[in-house]
Amino acid sequence: RTYAMAQEPGNANDWIRVWALDTRRVLKGKITQNGSVHVGL
Protein backbone atom coordinates (compact mmCIF):
# COMPACT_ATOMS: atom_id res chain seq x y z
CA ARG A 1 0.00 0.00 0.00
CA THR A 2 2.59 2.56 1.11
CA TYR A 3 5.02 1.25 -1.50
CA ALA A 4 2.55 1.83 -4.35
CA MET A 5 1.83 5.36 -3.18
CA ALA A 6 5.57 6.10 -3.08
CA GLN A 7 6.02 5.22 -6.74
CA GLU A 8 6.21 7.72 -9.59
CA PRO A 9 3.01 9.46 -10.79
CA GLY A 10 3.29 7.39 -13.98
CA ASN A 11 1.98 4.39 -12.05
CA ALA A 12 -1.43 5.99 -11.57
CA ASN A 13 -3.21 2.78 -12.55
CA ASP A 14 -1.40 0.86 -9.84
CA TRP A 15 -2.19 3.57 -7.31
CA ILE A 16 -5.87 3.53 -8.29
CA ARG A 17 -5.94 -0.25 -7.98
CA VAL A 18 -4.41 -0.11 -4.50
CA TRP A 19 -6.73 2.73 -3.49
CA ALA A 20 -9.77 0.76 -4.69
CA LEU A 21 -8.69 -2.29 -2.70
CA ASP A 22 -8.14 -0.16 0.40
CA THR A 23 -11.55 1.46 -0.08
CA ARG A 24 -13.19 -1.96 -0.23
CA ARG A 25 -11.39 -2.98 2.95
CA VAL A 26 -12.56 0.19 4.68
CA LEU A 27 -16.15 -0.33 3.55
CA LYS A 28 -16.06 -3.94 4.77
CA GLY A 29 -14.20 -3.06 7.93
CA LYS A 30 -14.63 -0.80 10.92
CA ILE A 31 -12.73 2.45 11.31
CA THR A 32 -11.59 3.13 14.86
CA GLN A 33 -11.26 6.55 16.44
CA ASN A 34 -7.50 6.64 15.93
CA GLY A 35 -7.96 6.09 12.18
CA SER A 36 -6.88 2.47 11.95
CA VAL A 37 -9.13 -0.02 10.21
CA HIS A 38 -10.25 -3.34 11.63
CA VAL A 39 -11.41 -5.46 8.71
CA GLY A 40 -13.91 -8.25 9.10
CA LEU A 41 -13.25 -10.85 6.43
PDB file of N, CA and C in Angstrom:
ATOM      1  N   ARG A   1       0.845  -1.193   0.000  1.00  0.00           N
ATOM      2  CA  ARG A   1       0.000   0.000   0.000  1.00  0.00           C
ATOM      3  C   ARG A   1       0.884   1.247   0.000  1.00  0.00           C
ATOM      4  N   THR A   2       1.710   1.392   1.026  1.00  0.00           N
ATOM      5  CA  THR A   2       2.587   2.562   1.111  1.00  0.00           C
ATOM      6  C   THR A   2       3.577   2.556  -0.045  1.00  0.00           C
ATOM      7  N   TYR A   3       4.043   1.372  -0.415  1.00  0.00           N
ATOM      8  CA  TYR A   3       5.016   1.254  -1.498  1.00  0.00           C
ATOM      9  C   TYR A   3       4.435   1.772  -2.808  1.00  0.00           C
ATOM     10  N   ALA A   4       3.191   1.401  -3.099  1.00  0.00           N
ATOM     11  CA  ALA A   4       2.552   1.829  -4.345  1.00  0.00           C
ATOM     12  C   ALA A   4       2.395   3.342  -4.380  1.00  0.00           C
ATOM     13  N   MET A   5       2.052   3.922  -3.230  1.00  0.00           N
ATOM     14  CA  MET A   5       1.832   5.363  -3.177  1.00  0.00           C
ATOM     15  C   MET A   5       3.150   6.120  -3.297  1.00  0.00           C
ATOM     16  N   ALA A   6       4.265   5.452  -3.028  1.00  0.00           N
ATOM     17  CA  ALA A   6       5.570   6.104  -3.081  1.00  0.00           C
ATOM     18  C   ALA A   6       6.158   6.073  -4.488  1.00  0.00           C
ATOM     19  N   GLN A   7       5.520   5.343  -5.376  1.00  0.00           N
ATOM     20  CA  GLN A   7       6.024   5.223  -6.736  1.00  0.00           C
ATOM     21  C   GLN A   7       5.788   6.504  -7.530  1.00  0.00           C
ATOM     22  N   GLU A   8       6.344   6.545  -8.733  1.00  0.00           N
ATOM     23  CA  GLU A   8       6.214   7.719  -9.594  1.00  0.00           C
ATOM     24  C   GLU A   8       4.763   7.910 -10.021  1.00  0.00           C
ATOM     25  N   PRO A   9       4.385   9.159 -10.351  1.00  0.00           N
ATOM     26  CA  PRO A   9       3.014   9.458 -10.791  1.00  0.00           C
ATOM     27  C   PRO A   9       2.613   8.648 -12.020  1.00  0.00           C
ATOM     28  N   GLY A  10       3.587   8.159 -12.773  1.00  0.00           N
ATOM     29  CA  GLY A  10       3.290   7.387 -13.977  1.00  0.00           C
ATOM     30  C   GLY A  10       2.561   6.089 -13.672  1.00  0.00           C
ATOM     31  N   ASN A  11       2.642   5.641 -12.421  1.00  0.00           N
ATOM     32  CA  ASN A  11       1.980   4.391 -12.047  1.00  0.00           C
ATOM     33  C   ASN A  11       0.600   4.665 -11.464  1.00  0.00           C
ATOM     34  N   ALA A  12      -0.120   5.587 -12.089  1.00  0.00           N
ATOM     35  CA  ALA A  12      -1.430   5.986 -11.574  1.00  0.00           C
ATOM     36  C   ALA A  12      -2.380   4.799 -11.522  1.00  0.00           C
ATOM     37  N   ASN A  13      -2.320   3.935 -12.533  1.00  0.00           N
ATOM     38  CA  ASN A  13      -3.214   2.779 -12.554  1.00  0.00           C
ATOM     39  C   ASN A  13      -2.975   1.883 -11.353  1.00  0.00           C
ATOM     40  N   ASP A  14      -1.717   1.682 -11.011  1.00  0.00           N
ATOM     41  CA  ASP A  14      -1.399   0.858  -9.845  1.00  0.00           C
ATOM     42  C   ASP A  14      -1.917   1.519  -8.580  1.00  0.00           C
ATOM     43  N   TRP A  15      -1.736   2.851  -8.501  1.00  0.00           N
ATOM     44  CA  TRP A  15      -2.193   3.571  -7.306  1.00  0.00           C
ATOM     45  C   TRP A  15      -3.702   3.463  -7.182  1.00  0.00           C
ATOM     46  N   ILE A  16      -4.401   3.616  -8.314  1.00  0.00           N
ATOM     47  CA  ILE A  16      -5.867   3.533  -8.291  1.00  0.00           C
ATOM     48  C   ILE A  16      -6.299   2.135  -7.851  1.00  0.00           C
ATOM     49  N   ARG A  17      -5.595   1.130  -8.339  1.00  0.00           N
ATOM     50  CA  ARG A  17      -5.940  -0.248  -7.976  1.00  0.00           C
ATOM     51  C   ARG A  17      -5.769  -0.453  -6.475  1.00  0.00           C
ATOM     52  N   VAL A  18      -4.660   0.028  -5.934  1.00  0.00           N
ATOM     53  CA  VAL A  18      -4.413  -0.109  -4.499  1.00  0.00           C
ATOM     54  C   VAL A  18      -5.450   0.671  -3.711  1.00  0.00           C
ATOM     55  N   TRP A  19      -5.752   1.891  -4.188  1.00  0.00           N
ATOM     56  CA  TRP A  19      -6.735   2.725  -3.493  1.00  0.00           C
ATOM     57  C   TRP A  19      -8.096   2.048  -3.484  1.00  0.00           C
ATOM     58  N   ALA A  20      -8.479   1.437  -4.606  1.00  0.00           N
ATOM     59  CA  ALA A  20      -9.771   0.760  -4.689  1.00  0.00           C
ATOM     60  C   ALA A  20      -9.819  -0.415  -3.717  1.00  0.00           C
ATOM     61  N   LEU A  21      -8.727  -1.163  -3.632  1.00  0.00           N
ATOM     62  CA  LEU A  21      -8.692  -2.292  -2.704  1.00  0.00           C
ATOM     63  C   LEU A  21      -8.790  -1.804  -1.269  1.00  0.00           C
ATOM     64  N   ASP A  22      -8.075  -0.709  -0.958  1.00  0.00           N
ATOM     65  CA  ASP A  22      -8.141  -0.161   0.396  1.00  0.00           C
ATOM     66  C   ASP A  22      -9.546   0.320   0.703  1.00  0.00           C
ATOM     67  N   THR A  23     -10.198   0.954  -0.282  1.00  0.00           N
ATOM     68  CA  THR A  23     -11.554   1.461  -0.077  1.00  0.00           C
ATOM     69  C   THR A  23     -12.497   0.309   0.235  1.00  0.00           C
ATOM     70  N   ARG A  24     -12.340  -0.804  -0.497  1.00  0.00           N
ATOM     71  CA  ARG A  24     -13.194  -1.961  -0.235  1.00  0.00           C
ATOM     72  C   ARG A  24     -12.952  -2.502   1.167  1.00  0.00           C
ATOM     73  N   ARG A  25     -11.692  -2.502   1.602  1.00  0.00           N
ATOM     74  CA  ARG A  25     -11.390  -2.979   2.950  1.00  0.00           C
ATOM     75  C   ARG A  25     -12.034  -2.076   3.981  1.00  0.00           C
ATOM     76  N   VAL A  26     -11.972  -0.761   3.742  1.00  0.00           N
ATOM     77  CA  VAL A  26     -12.562   0.186   4.685  1.00  0.00           C
ATOM     78  C   VAL A  26     -14.072  -0.008   4.749  1.00  0.00           C
ATOM     79  N   LEU A  27     -14.703  -0.176   3.581  1.00  0.00           N
ATOM     80  CA  LEU A  27     -16.150  -0.334   3.550  1.00  0.00           C
ATOM     81  C   LEU A  27     -16.572  -1.630   4.250  1.00  0.00           C
ATOM     82  N   LYS A  28     -15.734  -2.666   4.131  1.00  0.00           N
ATOM     83  CA  LYS A  28     -16.055  -3.942   4.767  1.00  0.00           C
ATOM     84  C   LYS A  28     -15.633  -3.964   6.220  1.00  0.00           C
ATOM     85  N   GLY A  29     -14.744  -3.049   6.586  1.00  0.00           N
ATOM     86  CA  GLY A  29     -14.200  -3.057   7.935  1.00  0.00           C
ATOM     87  C   GLY A  29     -14.817  -1.997   8.823  1.00  0.00           C
ATOM     88  N   LYS A  30     -14.150  -1.766   9.937  1.00  0.00           N
ATOM     89  CA  LYS A  30     -14.628  -0.804  10.921  1.00  0.00           C
ATOM     90  C   LYS A  30     -13.499   0.161  11.247  1.00  0.00           C
ATOM     91  N   ILE A  31     -13.757   1.450  11.052  1.00  0.00           N
ATOM     92  CA  ILE A  31     -12.729   2.451  11.311  1.00  0.00           C
ATOM     93  C   ILE A  31     -12.782   2.868  12.779  1.00  0.00           C
ATOM     94  N   THR A  32     -11.644   2.764  13.452  1.00  0.00           N
ATOM     95  CA  THR A  32     -11.593   3.131  14.863  1.00  0.00           C
ATOM     96  C   THR A  32     -11.319   4.621  15.000  1.00  0.00           C
ATOM     97  N   GLN A  33     -11.418   5.127  16.208  1.00  0.00           N
ATOM     98  CA  GLN A  33     -11.257   6.555  16.437  1.00  0.00           C
ATOM     99  C   GLN A  33      -9.862   7.050  16.073  1.00  0.00           C
ATOM    100  N   ASN A  34      -8.860   6.202  16.222  1.00  0.00           N
ATOM    101  CA  ASN A  34      -7.499   6.644  15.926  1.00  0.00           C
ATOM    102  C   ASN A  34      -7.169   6.518  14.442  1.00  0.00           C
ATOM    103  N   GLY A  35      -8.153   6.107  13.627  1.00  0.00           N
ATOM    104  CA  GLY A  35      -7.959   6.094  12.182  1.00  0.00           C
ATOM    105  C   GLY A  35      -7.553   4.753  11.610  1.00  0.00           C
ATOM    106  N   SER A  36      -7.238   3.782  12.464  1.00  0.00           N
ATOM    107  CA  SER A  36      -6.876   2.474  11.946  1.00  0.00           C
ATOM    108  C   SER A  36      -8.136   1.712  11.550  1.00  0.00           C
ATOM    109  N   VAL A  37      -7.972   0.716  10.706  1.00  0.00           N
ATOM    110  CA  VAL A  37      -9.130  -0.017  10.209  1.00  0.00           C
ATOM    111  C   VAL A  37      -9.066  -1.474  10.652  1.00  0.00           C
ATOM    112  N   HIS A  38     -10.133  -1.926  11.272  1.00  0.00           N
ATOM    113  CA  HIS A  38     -10.248  -3.339  11.628  1.00  0.00           C
ATOM    114  C   HIS A  38     -11.175  -3.983  10.605  1.00  0.00           C
ATOM    115  N   VAL A  39     -10.638  -4.884   9.794  1.00  0.00           N
ATOM    116  CA  VAL A  39     -11.411  -5.463   8.708  1.00  0.00           C
ATOM    117  C   VAL A  39     -11.999  -6.799   9.122  1.00  0.00           C
ATOM    118  N   GLY A  40     -13.271  -6.970   8.838  1.00  0.00           N
ATOM    119  CA  GLY A  40     -13.914  -8.248   9.100  1.00  0.00           C
ATOM    120  C   GLY A  40     -14.024  -9.023   7.810  1.00  0.00           C
ATOM    121  N   LEU A  41     -13.227 -10.081   7.669  1.00  0.00           N
ATOM    122  CA  LEU A  41     -13.252 -10.855   6.429  1.00  0.00           C
ATOM    123  C   LEU A  41     -14.196 -12.038   6.562  1.00  0.00           C
TER     124      LEU A  41
END
